[in-house]
Each structure stands twice: as C-alpha cells, then as structure tokens.
C-alpha cells in the first residue's frame, strides 16, 4: 500500500429498503426516537438521532428480499439502559429476537425486529459508548 489509510468516525449511516414506509418510519421515529431529517419525496425519508443517519427507501414487494443485512445497531451510553430499552420495546409489542445479555467483551445488548423483520441491536459497547469505564 502506498497511500496511508484515512481515518473515519465509524459507521454512522445505514440505508434500508422497505415495503411499508409509514409503518417502518413509525417504528424508528415513535418507538426508537429518531427524528425526520429530510423527506425528498413520498418514497424516501432520512432519519437522524443526532449522531447518525438512517435512510428508508421504498422498494417494490417482489416476494423476495432485495438484499441481506445481518442487523443494524443502536448505541446506548449506559449499560443499564439496555434493559430499560428492552422493557420499553416489549411493552410496545415489538417482536424480540433475544433477551439482554452481557457479552465476553463487556458489551451488553439484545436484538429485536422492526416491522419488516430487519434485526435491530440495542447495545452498550464500551469502546464507543459514552459511559464506558476507562
């Protein structure tokens, strides 16, 4: 390699193809607290939590997945907040993929599904969460 690797600030943008935009938008805005940043037209919306950007793009329902995505992640700044999020989402009838657990690296997380079955991880991850111990 002749060129040095440029620095980056981490993955702060995710784009999801969706079929039912109002339903998926409501999940991210009403339940997860994202705000609409920009709506260029009726088939696209850009959401923001203040630290990132989530794009939702309407695609035609062809009966198959447009692409494969393992999951997206929502970072929290306090390990105890993971359990608070879990209780909140369960109370709002969000389908869960797992219960909260602490990982070997000190992270704590759980997985749930958005309305179109995209897996969303809520995670306290010490290297990037604000409340991580030094």
C-alpha atoms as a PDB file:
ATOM      1  CA  UNK A   1       0.000   0.000   0.000  1.00  0.00           C
ATOM      2  CA  UNK A   2       1.409   3.351  -0.986  1.00  0.00           C
ATOM      3  CA  UNK A   3      -1.300   5.575   0.462  1.00  0.00           C
ATOM      4  CA  UNK A   4      -1.988   5.771   4.202  1.00  0.00           C
ATOM      5  CA  UNK A   5      -5.424   4.715   5.349  1.00  0.00           C
ATOM      6  CA  UNK A   6      -7.595   7.793   6.014  1.00  0.00           C
ATOM      7  CA  UNK A   7      -9.343   7.984   9.398  1.00  0.00           C
ATOM      8  CA  UNK A   8     -13.098   7.668   9.720  1.00  0.00           C
ATOM      9  CA  UNK A   9     -15.629   8.241  12.509  1.00  0.00           C
ATOM     10  CA  UNK A  10     -17.291   4.834  12.363  1.00  0.00           C
ATOM     11  CA  UNK A  11     -20.442   3.626  10.679  1.00  0.00           C
ATOM     12  CA  UNK A  12     -22.953   6.414  11.112  1.00  0.00           C
ATOM     13  CA  UNK A  13     -25.208   5.808   8.104  1.00  0.00           C
ATOM     14  CA  UNK A  14     -27.437   2.872   7.242  1.00  0.00           C
ATOM     15  CA  UNK A  15     -29.930   2.669   4.375  1.00  0.00           C
ATOM     16  CA  UNK A  16     -32.782   0.173   4.469  1.00  0.00           C
ATOM     17  CA  UNK A  17     -35.060  -0.900   1.628  1.00  0.00           C
ATOM     18  CA  UNK A  18     -38.627  -1.062   2.953  1.00  0.00           C
ATOM     19  CA  UNK A  19     -42.034  -2.005   1.604  1.00  0.00           C
ATOM     20  CA  UNK A  20     -44.314  -0.194   4.090  1.00  0.00           C
ATOM     21  CA  UNK A  21     -42.621   3.174   4.665  1.00  0.00           C
ATOM     22  CA  UNK A  22     -45.172   4.630   7.145  1.00  0.00           C
ATOM     23  CA  UNK A  23     -45.034   1.511   9.343  1.00  0.00           C
ATOM     24  CA  UNK A  24     -41.231   1.283   9.390  1.00  0.00           C
ATOM     25  CA  UNK A  25     -40.847   5.052   9.827  1.00  0.00           C
ATOM     26  CA  UNK A  26     -43.192   4.933  12.813  1.00  0.00           C
ATOM     27  CA  UNK A  27     -41.065   2.210  14.453  1.00  0.00           C
ATOM     28  CA  UNK A  28     -37.866   4.248  14.190  1.00  0.00           C
ATOM     29  CA  UNK A  29     -39.458   7.644  14.980  1.00  0.00           C
ATOM     30  CA  UNK A  30     -42.183   6.834  17.508  1.00  0.00           C
ATOM     31  CA  UNK A  31     -40.521   3.937  19.344  1.00  0.00           C
ATOM     32  CA  UNK A  32     -36.769   4.468  18.908  1.00  0.00           C
ATOM     33  CA  UNK A  33     -36.809   8.275  18.973  1.00  0.00           C
ATOM     34  CA  UNK A  34     -35.271   9.170  15.604  1.00  0.00           C
ATOM     35  CA  UNK A  35     -36.332  12.454  14.012  1.00  0.00           C
ATOM     36  CA  UNK A  36     -37.134  13.098  10.371  1.00  0.00           C
ATOM     37  CA  UNK A  37     -34.195  14.975   8.900  1.00  0.00           C
ATOM     38  CA  UNK A  38     -35.332  15.145   5.286  1.00  0.00           C
ATOM     39  CA  UNK A  39     -38.145  13.747   3.142  1.00  0.00           C
ATOM     40  CA  UNK A  40     -37.229  14.355  -0.508  1.00  0.00           C
ATOM     41  CA  UNK A  41     -40.348  12.554  -1.786  1.00  0.00           C
ATOM     42  CA  UNK A  42     -43.014  10.031  -0.777  1.00  0.00           C
ATOM     43  CA  UNK A  43     -40.684   7.047  -1.291  1.00  0.00           C
ATOM     44  CA  UNK A  44     -37.694   8.203   0.762  1.00  0.00           C
ATOM     45  CA  UNK A  45     -37.077   9.562   4.250  1.00  0.00           C
ATOM     46  CA  UNK A  46     -33.862  10.307   6.118  1.00  0.00           C
ATOM     47  CA  UNK A  47     -33.901   9.985   9.898  1.00  0.00           C
ATOM     48  CA  UNK A  48     -31.373  11.154  12.484  1.00  0.00           C
ATOM     49  CA  UNK A  49     -30.735  10.557  16.169  1.00  0.00           C
ATOM     50  CA  UNK A  50     -28.276  13.435  16.353  1.00  0.00           C
ATOM     51  CA  UNK A  51     -25.229  11.232  15.799  1.00  0.00           C
ATOM     52  CA  UNK A  52     -26.119   9.267  12.672  1.00  0.00           C
ATOM     53  CA  UNK A  53     -28.341   8.977   9.614  1.00  0.00           C
ATOM     54  CA  UNK A  54     -30.843   6.244   8.737  1.00  0.00           C
ATOM     55  CA  UNK A  55     -32.307   6.266   5.239  1.00  0.00           C
ATOM     56  CA  UNK A  56     -35.527   4.412   4.429  1.00  0.00           C
ATOM     57  CA  UNK A  57     -36.191   3.765   0.726  1.00  0.00           C
ATOM     58  CA  UNK A  58     -39.377   2.203  -0.659  1.00  0.00           C
ATOM     59  CA  UNK A  59     -38.880  -0.829  -2.903  1.00  0.00           C
ATOM     60  CA  UNK A  60     -41.452  -2.900  -4.718  1.00  0.00           C
ATOM     61  CA  UNK A  61     -42.566  -6.035  -2.904  1.00  0.00           C
ATOM     62  CA  UNK A  62     -41.338  -8.781  -5.234  1.00  0.00           C
ATOM     63  CA  UNK A  63     -41.801 -11.535  -2.670  1.00  0.00           C
ATOM     64  CA  UNK A  64     -38.078 -11.824  -2.018  1.00  0.00           C
ATOM     65  CA  UNK A  65     -35.501  -9.847  -0.101  1.00  0.00           C
ATOM     66  CA  UNK A  66     -33.797  -7.042  -2.009  1.00  0.00           C
ATOM     67  CA  UNK A  67     -30.594  -7.614  -0.064  1.00  0.00           C
ATOM     68  CA  UNK A  68     -29.247  -9.361   3.020  1.00  0.00           C
ATOM     69  CA  UNK A  69     -28.424  -7.419   6.176  1.00  0.00           C
ATOM     70  CA  UNK A  70     -27.443  -9.054   9.464  1.00  0.00           C
ATOM     71  CA  UNK A  71     -28.579  -6.177  11.691  1.00  0.00           C
ATOM     72  CA  UNK A  72     -28.320  -2.502  12.499  1.00  0.00           C
ATOM     73  CA  UNK A  73     -27.227  -1.250  15.903  1.00  0.00           C
ATOM     74  CA  UNK A  74     -28.378   1.482  18.272  1.00  0.00           C
ATOM     75  CA  UNK A  75     -25.648   2.525  20.741  1.00  0.00           C
ATOM     76  CA  UNK A  76     -26.580   3.443  24.316  1.00  0.00           C
ATOM     77  CA  UNK A  77     -24.282   5.245  26.763  1.00  0.00           C
ATOM     78  CA  UNK A  78     -25.124   3.337  29.953  1.00  0.00           C
ATOM     79  CA  UNK A  79     -25.092  -0.441  30.377  1.00  0.00           C
ATOM     80  CA  UNK A  80     -28.281  -0.311  32.483  1.00  0.00           C
ATOM     81  CA  UNK A  81     -30.204   1.446  29.718  1.00  0.00           C
ATOM     82  CA  UNK A  82     -30.076  -1.731  27.608  1.00  0.00           C
ATOM     83  CA  UNK A  83     -32.580  -3.347  29.969  1.00  0.00           C
ATOM     84  CA  UNK A  84     -34.714  -0.196  30.032  1.00  0.00           C
ATOM     85  CA  UNK A  85     -34.946  -0.303  26.212  1.00  0.00           C
ATOM     86  CA  UNK A  86     -35.827  -3.986  26.302  1.00  0.00           C
ATOM     87  CA  UNK A  87     -38.701  -3.396  28.746  1.00  0.00           C
ATOM     88  CA  UNK A  88     -39.942  -0.399  26.744  1.00  0.00           C
ATOM     89  CA  UNK A  89     -39.979  -2.246  23.426  1.00  0.00           C
ATOM     90  CA  UNK A  90     -41.622  -5.348  24.929  1.00  0.00           C
ATOM     91  CA  UNK A  91     -44.292  -3.088  26.420  1.00  0.00           C
ATOM     92  CA  UNK A  92     -44.880  -1.704  22.913  1.00  0.00           C
ATOM     93  CA  UNK A  93     -45.318  -5.211  21.447  1.00  0.00           C
ATOM     94  CA  UNK A  94     -42.069  -5.155  19.438  1.00  0.00           C
ATOM     95  CA  UNK A  95     -41.044  -8.678  18.433  1.00  0.00           C
ATOM     96  CA  UNK A  96     -37.841  -9.702  20.206  1.00  0.00           C
ATOM     97  CA  UNK A  97     -35.074 -11.876  18.803  1.00  0.00           C
ATOM     98  CA  UNK A  98     -33.229 -12.219  22.129  1.00  0.00           C
ATOM     99  CA  UNK A  99     -33.157 -11.077  25.735  1.00  0.00           C
ATOM    100  CA  UNK A 100     -30.495  -8.700  27.116  1.00  0.00           C
ATOM    101  CA  UNK A 101     -27.188 -10.333  27.904  1.00  0.00           C
ATOM    102  CA  UNK A 102     -23.659  -9.254  28.758  1.00  0.00           C
ATOM    103  CA  UNK A 103     -21.027 -10.360  26.268  1.00  0.00           C
ATOM    104  CA  UNK A 104     -17.461 -11.500  26.972  1.00  0.00           C
ATOM    105  CA  UNK A 105     -16.085  -8.131  25.817  1.00  0.00           C
ATOM    106  CA  UNK A 106     -18.153  -6.198  28.391  1.00  0.00           C
ATOM    107  CA  UNK A 107     -20.831  -5.145  25.920  1.00  0.00           C
ATOM    108  CA  UNK A 108     -24.496  -5.686  26.789  1.00  0.00           C
ATOM    109  CA  UNK A 109     -27.223  -5.963  24.181  1.00  0.00           C
ATOM    110  CA  UNK A 110     -30.360  -7.559  22.832  1.00  0.00           C
ATOM    111  CA  UNK A 111     -31.918  -7.943  19.397  1.00  0.00           C
ATOM    112  CA  UNK A 112     -35.418  -7.086  18.187  1.00  0.00           C
ATOM    113  CA  UNK A 113     -37.189  -6.839  14.832  1.00  0.00           C
ATOM    114  CA  UNK A 114     -38.508  -3.753  13.098  1.00  0.00           C
ATOM    115  CA  UNK A 115     -41.910  -4.096  11.346  1.00  0.00           C
ATOM    116  CA  UNK A 116     -40.305  -5.586   8.207  1.00  0.00           C
ATOM    117  CA  UNK A 117     -38.074  -8.016  10.139  1.00  0.00           C
ATOM    118  CA  UNK A 118     -34.814  -6.077   9.980  1.00  0.00           C
ATOM    119  CA  UNK A 119     -32.900  -7.078  13.093  1.00  0.00           C
ATOM    120  CA  UNK A 120     -32.037  -4.124  15.350  1.00  0.00           C
ATOM    121  CA  UNK A 121     -29.490  -4.498  18.150  1.00  0.00           C
ATOM    122  CA  UNK A 122     -29.599  -2.156  21.143  1.00  0.00           C
ATOM    123  CA  UNK A 123     -26.075  -2.227  22.549  1.00  0.00           C
ATOM    124  CA  UNK A 124     -23.828  -0.744  25.199  1.00  0.00           C
ATOM    125  CA  UNK A 125     -20.366  -1.203  23.682  1.00  0.00           C
ATOM    126  CA  UNK A 126     -17.523   0.012  25.936  1.00  0.00           C
ATOM    127  CA  UNK A 127     -15.155   1.258  23.205  1.00  0.00           C
ATOM    128  CA  UNK A 128     -17.751   3.668  21.766  1.00  0.00           C
ATOM    129  CA  UNK A 129     -20.399   4.211  24.460  1.00  0.00           C
ATOM    130  CA  UNK A 130     -20.016   7.450  26.450  1.00  0.00           C
ATOM    131  CA  UNK A 131     -20.477   5.822  29.857  1.00  0.00           C
ATOM    132  CA  UNK A 132     -17.832   3.165  29.264  1.00  0.00           C
ATOM    133  CA  UNK A 133     -15.336   2.696  32.101  1.00  0.00           C
ATOM    134  CA  UNK A 134     -11.809   3.984  31.392  1.00  0.00           C
END
